């Protein structure tokens, strides 16, 4: 019976591995195709057809290199051109991808494998980013640009940063926690307790790092259509950096929760307390 049980557990693990691998592979390939298919098709056509009349220093190789080097900027311009058509939807998608990807990275760096990773948790995080962070931040950024910009005064950026890292952070924390707790089937009382217990530590941690990032975020250096993309990229990048820092100090978080990802990337909560605590 023991052997049978072990075989059954092994079979279950294998099934989870193949299922997760299929899901992750499909999402990754779909994303790569969607982002690069135009440039890949251009490169294929480049090698299939003659360049025709062209300068002597132009070769297929130089054209191919130029096409690839322009890929990042082309993607940014393409994204920026989509935003005016449906800003709430595309910004919701931006935060949904960022939060889902960020939670996935978080679990990988916590030692999870395709056999043990909790994909539903990543999907819940992405769904919460889609439903809460993207749409709400769209309205918040619009509000700040309308009422807190003061005609583009240089000191207005400081007011925006202060407002964002106080009133807005408290509200967004509560909204995100409520949605993620509901999607996870958490008791509302437990969700409320989480919100109350993390508000002050979260704000204190946020004030250590985000003022520097948001000095750029809320300035005119980043266009209005790209502000949320910039914030989401910085959130995931900061989360990646802090998780790597924890690995280097051999002080990874021992008990992941559904709220960990949000607090880690948005408030940097627990990272430095867990990375540098003395034992």
Foldseek 3Di string as FASTA:
>chain_A
DVVVVVVVVVVLLVVLLVVLCVVVVVVVVVVCCVLCVVLVVVLVVLVVDDPPDDDPPDDSVVVNVVSVVCSVVVSVVVLLVCCVVPVLQSLLQLQLVLQLVLVQVLVVLLPDDSSGDDNLLSNLRSNLSSVAVRNVVLVVLVVCVVPQCVVVDLCSLVVSLVCCLPVVVLVSLLSSLVSSCVSVVHDPVVSVVVSVVCVVLLSVLQVVPVVVQSSCLNHPVAPSSCSSNSLSVQLSVQLNVLSVLLVVLVQRDDDDDSCVSVSCSNRVPPSVCRSPPDD
